[in-house]
Amino acid sequence: MAYAAKELAKLPSKNTKNIIDLEKKVSEWLGQGTKIIKNKAEDVILLSKDGLRKVRFDLNRPDPHTNPHAHIEELVNDIWQKSGQYFL
């Protein structure tokens, strides 16, 4: 998880402390044993050990949006449910 926070902290931002705080909260939500994977665009995806929760950072290719953002998702009845987009 610290890896994702470091990647986000590289973005030009006045909110580096907020990013680090967010990393702590995301770590608690995903739990121990979180897997870090990357998609084809080399964006970071954090997946809980049980595979039921994930946080996806669309930084390199935020399509169809123009700004980097993140998604927080839960797997419910085999469908990823998004809680919304969080623009960075």
N, C-alpha and C. Protein backbone atom coordinates (compact mmCIF):
# COMPACT_ATOMS: atom_id res chain seq x y z
N MET A 1 0.81 -1.19 0.00
CA MET A 1 0.00 0.00 0.00
C MET A 1 0.85 1.25 0.00
N ALA A 2 1.94 1.24 0.71
CA ALA A 2 2.80 2.41 0.75
C ALA A 2 3.28 2.75 -0.66
N TYR A 3 3.43 1.73 -1.52
CA TYR A 3 3.85 1.96 -2.90
C TYR A 3 2.85 2.88 -3.61
N ALA A 4 1.56 2.60 -3.46
CA ALA A 4 0.53 3.42 -4.12
C ALA A 4 0.57 4.85 -3.61
N ALA A 5 0.75 5.01 -2.32
CA ALA A 5 0.82 6.36 -1.74
C ALA A 5 2.02 7.11 -2.30
N LYS A 6 3.13 6.42 -2.47
CA LYS A 6 4.32 7.06 -3.03
C LYS A 6 4.08 7.47 -4.48
N GLU A 7 3.39 6.60 -5.24
CA GLU A 7 3.07 6.93 -6.63
C GLU A 7 2.17 8.16 -6.69
N LEU A 8 1.17 8.21 -5.83
CA LEU A 8 0.26 9.36 -5.81
C LEU A 8 0.98 10.61 -5.35
N ALA A 9 1.89 10.47 -4.41
CA ALA A 9 2.61 11.62 -3.88
C ALA A 9 3.49 12.27 -4.95
N LYS A 10 3.80 11.54 -6.02
CA LYS A 10 4.61 12.10 -7.10
C LYS A 10 3.82 13.12 -7.92
N LEU A 11 2.49 13.05 -7.84
CA LEU A 11 1.67 14.00 -8.58
C LEU A 11 1.84 15.38 -7.97
N PRO A 12 1.84 16.42 -8.80
CA PRO A 12 1.94 17.76 -8.24
C PRO A 12 0.70 18.04 -7.39
N SER A 13 0.91 18.25 -6.11
CA SER A 13 -0.22 18.42 -5.22
C SER A 13 0.19 19.12 -3.94
N LYS A 14 -0.73 19.90 -3.41
CA LYS A 14 -0.54 20.51 -2.11
C LYS A 14 -1.05 19.58 -1.02
N ASN A 15 -1.58 18.43 -1.43
CA ASN A 15 -2.28 17.54 -0.52
C ASN A 15 -1.53 16.25 -0.22
N THR A 16 -0.22 16.28 -0.22
CA THR A 16 0.56 15.07 0.02
C THR A 16 0.18 14.41 1.34
N LYS A 17 -0.01 15.20 2.40
CA LYS A 17 -0.40 14.63 3.69
C LYS A 17 -1.76 13.93 3.58
N ASN A 18 -2.69 14.53 2.85
CA ASN A 18 -3.99 13.90 2.65
C ASN A 18 -3.87 12.57 1.93
N ILE A 19 -2.95 12.50 0.98
CA ILE A 19 -2.73 11.26 0.25
C ILE A 19 -2.20 10.19 1.19
N ILE A 20 -1.28 10.54 2.05
CA ILE A 20 -0.73 9.58 3.00
C ILE A 20 -1.81 9.12 3.97
N ASP A 21 -2.66 10.05 4.43
CA ASP A 21 -3.78 9.69 5.30
C ASP A 21 -4.75 8.75 4.58
N LEU A 22 -5.01 9.05 3.32
CA LEU A 22 -5.88 8.19 2.52
C LEU A 22 -5.31 6.79 2.41
N GLU A 23 -4.01 6.70 2.22
CA GLU A 23 -3.35 5.38 2.12
C GLU A 23 -3.61 4.56 3.36
N LYS A 24 -3.55 5.17 4.52
CA LYS A 24 -3.80 4.46 5.78
C LYS A 24 -5.23 3.94 5.83
N LYS A 25 -6.18 4.77 5.43
CA LYS A 25 -7.59 4.36 5.46
C LYS A 25 -7.87 3.26 4.45
N VAL A 26 -7.29 3.38 3.27
CA VAL A 26 -7.47 2.35 2.25
C VAL A 26 -6.85 1.04 2.72
N SER A 27 -5.70 1.10 3.36
CA SER A 27 -5.04 -0.10 3.88
C SER A 27 -5.93 -0.82 4.87
N GLU A 28 -6.56 -0.06 5.75
CA GLU A 28 -7.46 -0.66 6.74
C GLU A 28 -8.65 -1.32 6.04
N TRP A 29 -9.22 -0.66 5.03
CA TRP A 29 -10.40 -1.17 4.33
C TRP A 29 -10.07 -2.44 3.54
N LEU A 30 -8.93 -2.45 2.87
CA LEU A 30 -8.54 -3.62 2.08
C LEU A 30 -8.03 -4.76 2.95
N GLY A 31 -7.42 -4.45 4.07
CA GLY A 31 -6.91 -5.47 4.98
C GLY A 31 -5.54 -5.98 4.60
N GLN A 32 -5.02 -6.85 5.46
CA GLN A 32 -3.70 -7.43 5.23
C GLN A 32 -3.73 -8.37 4.03
N GLY A 33 -2.59 -8.50 3.39
CA GLY A 33 -2.47 -9.40 2.25
C GLY A 33 -2.94 -8.79 0.94
N THR A 34 -3.06 -7.48 0.90
CA THR A 34 -3.49 -6.79 -0.31
C THR A 34 -2.49 -7.03 -1.44
N LYS A 35 -3.03 -7.34 -2.61
CA LYS A 35 -2.20 -7.54 -3.80
C LYS A 35 -2.12 -6.24 -4.58
N ILE A 36 -0.95 -5.96 -5.11
CA ILE A 36 -0.76 -4.79 -5.97
C ILE A 36 -0.54 -5.31 -7.39
N ILE A 37 -1.43 -4.91 -8.28
CA ILE A 37 -1.30 -5.30 -9.68
C ILE A 37 -1.36 -4.03 -10.52
N LYS A 38 -1.02 -4.15 -11.79
CA LYS A 38 -1.09 -3.01 -12.71
C LYS A 38 -1.89 -3.43 -13.93
N ASN A 39 -2.62 -2.47 -14.50
CA ASN A 39 -3.34 -2.73 -15.73
C ASN A 39 -2.44 -2.44 -16.93
N LYS A 40 -2.99 -2.52 -18.13
CA LYS A 40 -2.19 -2.32 -19.34
C LYS A 40 -1.57 -0.93 -19.41
N ALA A 41 -2.21 0.05 -18.78
CA ALA A 41 -1.69 1.42 -18.78
C ALA A 41 -0.67 1.64 -17.67
N GLU A 42 -0.34 0.57 -16.93
CA GLU A 42 0.59 0.65 -15.80
C GLU A 42 0.00 1.41 -14.61
N ASP A 43 -1.33 1.51 -14.55
CA ASP A 43 -1.98 2.10 -13.39
C ASP A 43 -2.08 1.06 -12.29
N VAL A 44 -2.00 1.52 -11.05
CA VAL A 44 -2.01 0.63 -9.89
C VAL A 44 -3.44 0.24 -9.53
N ILE A 45 -3.63 -1.05 -9.25
CA ILE A 45 -4.88 -1.59 -8.72
C ILE A 45 -4.53 -2.34 -7.45
N LEU A 46 -5.21 -1.99 -6.36
CA LEU A 46 -5.01 -2.66 -5.08
C LEU A 46 -6.20 -3.58 -4.86
N LEU A 47 -5.94 -4.86 -4.66
CA LEU A 47 -6.98 -5.87 -4.53
C LEU A 47 -6.86 -6.56 -3.19
N SER A 48 -7.97 -6.63 -2.45
CA SER A 48 -7.94 -7.29 -1.14
C SER A 48 -7.62 -8.77 -1.31
N LYS A 49 -7.11 -9.37 -0.26
CA LYS A 49 -6.71 -10.77 -0.29
C LYS A 49 -7.87 -11.68 -0.70
N ASP A 50 -9.08 -11.36 -0.22
CA ASP A 50 -10.24 -12.18 -0.55
C ASP A 50 -10.84 -11.85 -1.92
N GLY A 51 -10.30 -10.83 -2.60
CA GLY A 51 -10.76 -10.47 -3.93
C GLY A 51 -12.11 -9.78 -3.99
N LEU A 52 -12.58 -9.27 -2.85
CA LEU A 52 -13.91 -8.66 -2.80
C LEU A 52 -13.89 -7.13 -2.81
N ARG A 53 -12.71 -6.54 -2.59
CA ARG A 53 -12.59 -5.08 -2.54
C ARG A 53 -11.38 -4.66 -3.36
N LYS A 54 -11.53 -3.53 -4.07
CA LYS A 54 -10.37 -3.03 -4.80
C LYS A 54 -10.42 -1.51 -4.90
N VAL A 55 -9.24 -0.96 -5.06
CA VAL A 55 -9.08 0.47 -5.32
C VAL A 55 -8.24 0.57 -6.58
N ARG A 56 -8.77 1.27 -7.56
CA ARG A 56 -8.09 1.41 -8.85
C ARG A 56 -7.75 2.87 -9.07
N PHE A 57 -6.48 3.13 -9.34
CA PHE A 57 -6.01 4.49 -9.59
C PHE A 57 -5.82 4.66 -11.10
N ASP A 58 -6.63 5.48 -11.72
CA ASP A 58 -6.51 5.77 -13.14
C ASP A 58 -5.69 7.05 -13.30
N LEU A 59 -4.39 6.90 -13.28
CA LEU A 59 -3.48 8.04 -13.33
C LEU A 59 -2.87 8.22 -14.71
N ASN A 60 -2.38 7.14 -15.29
CA ASN A 60 -1.70 7.22 -16.59
C ASN A 60 -2.67 7.37 -17.75
N ARG A 61 -3.81 6.69 -17.65
CA ARG A 61 -4.82 6.76 -18.70
C ARG A 61 -6.19 6.87 -18.03
N PRO A 62 -6.61 8.10 -17.72
CA PRO A 62 -7.87 8.29 -17.01
C PRO A 62 -9.12 8.26 -17.90
N ASP A 63 -8.99 7.79 -19.15
CA ASP A 63 -10.10 7.78 -20.11
C ASP A 63 -11.35 7.16 -19.50
N PRO A 64 -12.52 7.68 -19.76
CA PRO A 64 -12.83 8.76 -20.69
C PRO A 64 -12.69 10.14 -20.05
N HIS A 65 -12.25 10.20 -18.81
CA HIS A 65 -12.09 11.47 -18.12
C HIS A 65 -10.76 12.11 -18.50
N THR A 66 -10.59 13.38 -18.15
CA THR A 66 -9.34 14.06 -18.47
C THR A 66 -8.44 14.21 -17.26
N ASN A 67 -8.97 13.97 -16.07
CA ASN A 67 -8.19 14.13 -14.85
C ASN A 67 -7.92 12.79 -14.19
N PRO A 68 -6.74 12.63 -13.59
CA PRO A 68 -6.46 11.42 -12.82
C PRO A 68 -7.52 11.24 -11.73
N HIS A 69 -7.91 10.00 -11.49
CA HIS A 69 -8.92 9.73 -10.49
C HIS A 69 -8.77 8.30 -9.98
N ALA A 70 -9.54 7.97 -8.96
CA ALA A 70 -9.51 6.63 -8.38
C ALA A 70 -10.94 6.12 -8.26
N HIS A 71 -11.07 4.80 -8.26
CA HIS A 71 -12.35 4.14 -8.03
C HIS A 71 -12.20 3.24 -6.82
N ILE A 72 -13.22 3.23 -5.98
CA ILE A 72 -13.29 2.29 -4.86
C ILE A 72 -14.45 1.37 -5.18
N GLU A 73 -14.17 0.06 -5.21
CA GLU A 73 -15.18 -0.89 -5.68
C GLU A 73 -15.27 -2.11 -4.76
N GLU A 74 -16.48 -2.69 -4.72
CA GLU A 74 -16.72 -3.93 -4.00
C GLU A 74 -17.39 -4.92 -4.94
N LEU A 75 -17.02 -6.18 -4.82
CA LEU A 75 -17.62 -7.23 -5.63
C LEU A 75 -18.87 -7.74 -4.91
N VAL A 76 -20.03 -7.49 -5.53
CA VAL A 76 -21.32 -7.90 -4.96
C VAL A 76 -22.05 -8.72 -6.01
N ASN A 77 -22.37 -9.97 -5.66
CA ASN A 77 -23.04 -10.87 -6.61
C ASN A 77 -22.30 -10.95 -7.94
N ASP A 78 -20.98 -11.06 -7.85
CA ASP A 78 -20.10 -11.19 -9.02
C ASP A 78 -20.08 -9.97 -9.94
N ILE A 79 -20.51 -8.81 -9.43
CA ILE A 79 -20.48 -7.57 -10.21
C ILE A 79 -19.74 -6.52 -9.40
N TRP A 80 -18.75 -5.84 -10.02
CA TRP A 80 -18.02 -4.78 -9.33
C TRP A 80 -18.93 -3.57 -9.19
N GLN A 81 -19.19 -3.19 -7.95
CA GLN A 81 -20.02 -2.03 -7.63
C GLN A 81 -19.10 -0.86 -7.30
N LYS A 82 -19.21 0.23 -8.05
CA LYS A 82 -18.38 1.41 -7.81
C LYS A 82 -19.06 2.32 -6.79
N SER A 83 -18.27 2.85 -5.90
CA SER A 83 -18.81 3.79 -4.93
C SER A 83 -18.73 5.21 -5.47
N GLY A 84 -18.11 5.38 -6.61
CA GLY A 84 -17.96 6.70 -7.20
C GLY A 84 -16.54 6.93 -7.63
N GLN A 85 -16.31 8.08 -8.24
CA GLN A 85 -14.98 8.44 -8.70
C GLN A 85 -14.44 9.52 -7.79
N TYR A 86 -13.17 9.44 -7.53
CA TYR A 86 -12.50 10.41 -6.68
C TYR A 86 -11.40 11.06 -7.50
N PHE A 87 -11.61 12.31 -7.88
CA PHE A 87 -10.64 13.00 -8.72
C PHE A 87 -9.50 13.53 -7.87
N LEU A 88 -8.29 13.36 -8.37
CA LEU A 88 -7.09 13.73 -7.64
C LEU A 88 -6.56 15.06 -8.11
